[in-house]
């Protein structure tokens, strides 16, 4: 991920998420499943290469991506507790308000240990980078 042209708050969300997950490092191993909901970028994969990421987005990417499934955050196609960790960064602001509670419930449902959700604050300095 090229952070050079990234909004400062987004940069800090990704690193804070990586640090939070790493702080529980004694619980995770190379087989630990992580859902990165709403992203096709290798952002967290690069920061946490010891975890097994599955990326999911409502849109199919233009190129083939290993470890990708198409789906909706508000209707996740996974069994309860399927992932140890679910991560949803910079996505909630794109979900229609009437589906946000359901999306949070779904992310918590499929996470057995940790669910991290973060999104930007509506601020002119952040909007300029979007």
C-alpha atoms as a PDB file:
ATOM      1  CA  UNK A   1       0.000   0.000   0.000  1.00  0.00           C
ATOM      2  CA  UNK A   2       1.331   3.389  -0.938  1.00  0.00           C
ATOM      3  CA  UNK A   3       0.649   5.638   2.041  1.00  0.00           C
ATOM      4  CA  UNK A   4       2.187   8.684   0.354  1.00  0.00           C
ATOM      5  CA  UNK A   5      -1.175   9.851  -1.039  1.00  0.00           C
ATOM      6  CA  UNK A   6      -3.356   8.503   1.747  1.00  0.00           C
ATOM      7  CA  UNK A   7      -5.415  10.645   4.078  1.00  0.00           C
ATOM      8  CA  UNK A   8      -3.623  10.926   7.442  1.00  0.00           C
ATOM      9  CA  UNK A   9      -6.520   9.447   9.387  1.00  0.00           C
ATOM     10  CA  UNK A  10      -6.647   6.418   7.049  1.00  0.00           C
ATOM     11  CA  UNK A  11      -2.930   5.849   7.491  1.00  0.00           C
ATOM     12  CA  UNK A  12      -3.337   5.833  11.271  1.00  0.00           C
ATOM     13  CA  UNK A  13      -6.387   3.527  11.151  1.00  0.00           C
ATOM     14  CA  UNK A  14      -4.419   0.884   9.250  1.00  0.00           C
ATOM     15  CA  UNK A  15      -1.397   1.057  11.534  1.00  0.00           C
ATOM     16  CA  UNK A  16      -3.524   1.194  14.693  1.00  0.00           C
ATOM     17  CA  UNK A  17      -5.390  -1.880  13.483  1.00  0.00           C
ATOM     18  CA  UNK A  18      -2.146  -3.728  12.787  1.00  0.00           C
ATOM     19  CA  UNK A  19      -0.819  -2.790  16.220  1.00  0.00           C
ATOM     20  CA  UNK A  20      -4.023  -3.886  17.952  1.00  0.00           C
ATOM     21  CA  UNK A  21      -3.992  -7.261  16.220  1.00  0.00           C
ATOM     22  CA  UNK A  22      -0.261  -7.668  16.927  1.00  0.00           C
ATOM     23  CA  UNK A  23      -0.795  -6.912  20.622  1.00  0.00           C
ATOM     24  CA  UNK A  24      -2.690 -10.226  20.810  1.00  0.00           C
ATOM     25  CA  UNK A  25       0.095 -11.952  18.879  1.00  0.00           C
ATOM     26  CA  UNK A  26       0.341 -14.847  21.328  1.00  0.00           C
ATOM     27  CA  UNK A  27      -3.190 -15.876  20.242  1.00  0.00           C
ATOM     28  CA  UNK A  28      -2.594 -15.911  16.477  1.00  0.00           C
ATOM     29  CA  UNK A  29      -0.597 -18.261  14.305  1.00  0.00           C
ATOM     30  CA  UNK A  30      -0.066 -18.698  10.563  1.00  0.00           C
ATOM     31  CA  UNK A  31      -3.409 -20.467  10.212  1.00  0.00           C
ATOM     32  CA  UNK A  32      -5.417 -17.695  11.842  1.00  0.00           C
ATOM     33  CA  UNK A  33      -8.243 -16.644   9.518  1.00  0.00           C
ATOM     34  CA  UNK A  34      -8.947 -12.938   9.106  1.00  0.00           C
ATOM     35  CA  UNK A  35     -11.741 -11.368   7.079  1.00  0.00           C
ATOM     36  CA  UNK A  36     -10.826  -7.994   5.584  1.00  0.00           C
ATOM     37  CA  UNK A  37     -14.339  -6.858   4.672  1.00  0.00           C
ATOM     38  CA  UNK A  38     -14.739  -4.222   2.004  1.00  0.00           C
ATOM     39  CA  UNK A  39     -11.180  -4.246   0.750  1.00  0.00           C
ATOM     40  CA  UNK A  40      -9.251  -5.799  -2.111  1.00  0.00           C
ATOM     41  CA  UNK A  41      -5.994  -4.034  -1.277  1.00  0.00           C
ATOM     42  CA  UNK A  42      -3.053  -5.909   0.285  1.00  0.00           C
ATOM     43  CA  UNK A  43      -2.793  -3.261   3.010  1.00  0.00           C
ATOM     44  CA  UNK A  44      -3.136  -5.371   6.143  1.00  0.00           C
ATOM     45  CA  UNK A  45      -1.651  -8.439   4.455  1.00  0.00           C
ATOM     46  CA  UNK A  46       1.596  -6.491   4.087  1.00  0.00           C
ATOM     47  CA  UNK A  47       1.514  -5.217   7.658  1.00  0.00           C
ATOM     48  CA  UNK A  48       0.571  -8.612   9.160  1.00  0.00           C
ATOM     49  CA  UNK A  49       2.028 -11.256   6.826  1.00  0.00           C
ATOM     50  CA  UNK A  50       1.755 -14.033   9.436  1.00  0.00           C
ATOM     51  CA  UNK A  51      -2.073 -14.068   9.205  1.00  0.00           C
ATOM     52  CA  UNK A  52      -4.313 -15.752   6.623  1.00  0.00           C
ATOM     53  CA  UNK A  53      -6.415 -12.961   5.074  1.00  0.00           C
ATOM     54  CA  UNK A  54      -9.558 -13.340   3.017  1.00  0.00           C
ATOM     55  CA  UNK A  55     -10.593 -10.150   1.268  1.00  0.00           C
ATOM     56  CA  UNK A  56     -14.237  -9.458   0.541  1.00  0.00           C
ATOM     57  CA  UNK A  57     -15.955  -6.667  -1.348  1.00  0.00           C
ATOM     58  CA  UNK A  58     -19.365  -6.128  -2.882  1.00  0.00           C
ATOM     59  CA  UNK A  59     -17.671  -5.336  -6.204  1.00  0.00           C
ATOM     60  CA  UNK A  60     -15.573  -7.803  -8.083  1.00  0.00           C
ATOM     61  CA  UNK A  61     -12.042  -6.444  -8.645  1.00  0.00           C
ATOM     62  CA  UNK A  62     -10.818  -5.760 -12.161  1.00  0.00           C
ATOM     63  CA  UNK A  63      -7.979  -8.216 -11.732  1.00  0.00           C
ATOM     64  CA  UNK A  64      -7.896 -11.675 -10.178  1.00  0.00           C
ATOM     65  CA  UNK A  65      -6.940 -11.508  -6.506  1.00  0.00           C
ATOM     66  CA  UNK A  66      -5.889 -14.529  -4.491  1.00  0.00           C
ATOM     67  CA  UNK A  67      -7.964 -14.927  -1.365  1.00  0.00           C
ATOM     68  CA  UNK A  68     -10.960 -12.894  -2.537  1.00  0.00           C
ATOM     69  CA  UNK A  69     -14.689 -13.530  -2.263  1.00  0.00           C
ATOM     70  CA  UNK A  70     -17.462 -11.264  -3.499  1.00  0.00           C
ATOM     71  CA  UNK A  71     -20.166 -10.463  -0.958  1.00  0.00           C
ATOM     72  CA  UNK A  72     -22.016  -7.921   1.126  1.00  0.00           C
ATOM     73  CA  UNK A  73     -20.906  -6.879   4.606  1.00  0.00           C
ATOM     74  CA  UNK A  74     -24.551  -6.761   5.672  1.00  0.00           C
ATOM     75  CA  UNK A  75     -25.087 -10.404   4.629  1.00  0.00           C
ATOM     76  CA  UNK A  76     -21.839 -12.305   5.102  1.00  0.00           C
ATOM     77  CA  UNK A  77     -21.714 -15.752   3.468  1.00  0.00           C
ATOM     78  CA  UNK A  78     -19.819 -17.386   6.361  1.00  0.00           C
ATOM     79  CA  UNK A  79     -20.694 -19.528   9.371  1.00  0.00           C
ATOM     80  CA  UNK A  80     -20.772 -18.044  12.863  1.00  0.00           C
ATOM     81  CA  UNK A  81     -17.251 -17.731  14.359  1.00  0.00           C
ATOM     82  CA  UNK A  82     -15.650 -18.751  11.043  1.00  0.00           C
ATOM     83  CA  UNK A  83     -12.875 -16.149  11.405  1.00  0.00           C
ATOM     84  CA  UNK A  84     -10.762 -15.380  14.443  1.00  0.00           C
ATOM     85  CA  UNK A  85     -10.660 -11.714  13.408  1.00  0.00           C
ATOM     86  CA  UNK A  86     -12.849  -9.515  11.235  1.00  0.00           C
ATOM     87  CA  UNK A  87     -11.632  -6.133  10.046  1.00  0.00           C
ATOM     88  CA  UNK A  88     -13.707  -3.494   8.301  1.00  0.00           C
ATOM     89  CA  UNK A  89     -11.782  -0.282   7.606  1.00  0.00           C
ATOM     90  CA  UNK A  90     -13.042   2.698   5.625  1.00  0.00           C
ATOM     91  CA  UNK A  91     -16.220   0.900   4.565  1.00  0.00           C
ATOM     92  CA  UNK A  92     -19.093   1.876   6.879  1.00  0.00           C
ATOM     93  CA  UNK A  93     -19.396   5.359   5.396  1.00  0.00           C
ATOM     94  CA  UNK A  94     -20.195   3.719   2.032  1.00  0.00           C
ATOM     95  CA  UNK A  95     -22.963   1.485   3.406  1.00  0.00           C
ATOM     96  CA  UNK A  96     -26.469   2.972   3.375  1.00  0.00           C
ATOM     97  CA  UNK A  97     -27.429   3.997   6.896  1.00  0.00           C
ATOM     98  CA  UNK A  98     -30.308   1.522   7.100  1.00  0.00           C
ATOM     99  CA  UNK A  99     -27.861  -1.412   6.591  1.00  0.00           C
ATOM    100  CA  UNK A 100     -25.082  -0.323   8.979  1.00  0.00           C
ATOM    101  CA  UNK A 101     -26.410  -1.989  12.134  1.00  0.00           C
ATOM    102  CA  UNK A 102     -26.837  -5.242  10.233  1.00  0.00           C
ATOM    103  CA  UNK A 103     -23.281  -4.965   8.893  1.00  0.00           C
ATOM    104  CA  UNK A 104     -21.890  -4.553  12.424  1.00  0.00           C
ATOM    105  CA  UNK A 105     -23.941  -7.540  13.642  1.00  0.00           C
ATOM    106  CA  UNK A 106     -22.662  -9.671  10.758  1.00  0.00           C
ATOM    107  CA  UNK A 107     -19.020  -8.730  11.334  1.00  0.00           C
ATOM    108  CA  UNK A 108     -19.364  -9.620  15.022  1.00  0.00           C
ATOM    109  CA  UNK A 109     -21.215 -12.857  14.218  1.00  0.00           C
ATOM    110  CA  UNK A 110     -18.471 -14.319  12.026  1.00  0.00           C
ATOM    111  CA  UNK A 111     -15.604 -13.256  14.361  1.00  0.00           C
ATOM    112  CA  UNK A 112     -14.747 -15.633  17.184  1.00  0.00           C
ATOM    113  CA  UNK A 113     -12.236 -13.363  18.941  1.00  0.00           C
ATOM    114  CA  UNK A 114     -11.831  -9.844  17.606  1.00  0.00           C
ATOM    115  CA  UNK A 115     -13.882  -7.486  15.418  1.00  0.00           C
ATOM    116  CA  UNK A 116     -12.360  -4.155  14.373  1.00  0.00           C
ATOM    117  CA  UNK A 117     -14.411  -1.485  12.617  1.00  0.00           C
ATOM    118  CA  UNK A 118     -13.024   1.961  11.782  1.00  0.00           C
ATOM    119  CA  UNK A 119     -14.064   4.739   9.454  1.00  0.00           C
ATOM    120  CA  UNK A 120     -13.071   8.339   8.719  1.00  0.00           C
ATOM    121  CA  UNK A 121     -14.449  11.334  10.511  1.00  0.00           C
ATOM    122  CA  UNK A 122     -16.263  13.682   8.160  1.00  0.00           C
ATOM    123  CA  UNK A 123     -13.725  16.481   8.127  1.00  0.00           C
ATOM    124  CA  UNK A 124     -12.521  18.700   5.227  1.00  0.00           C
ATOM    125  CA  UNK A 125      -8.884  17.617   5.675  1.00  0.00           C
ATOM    126  CA  UNK A 126      -9.901  13.973   5.239  1.00  0.00           C
ATOM    127  CA  UNK A 127     -12.369  14.602   2.433  1.00  0.00           C
ATOM    128  CA  UNK A 128      -9.701  16.333   0.317  1.00  0.00           C
ATOM    129  CA  UNK A 129      -7.744  13.042   0.109  1.00  0.00           C
ATOM    130  CA  UNK A 130     -10.760  10.898  -0.819  1.00  0.00           C
END
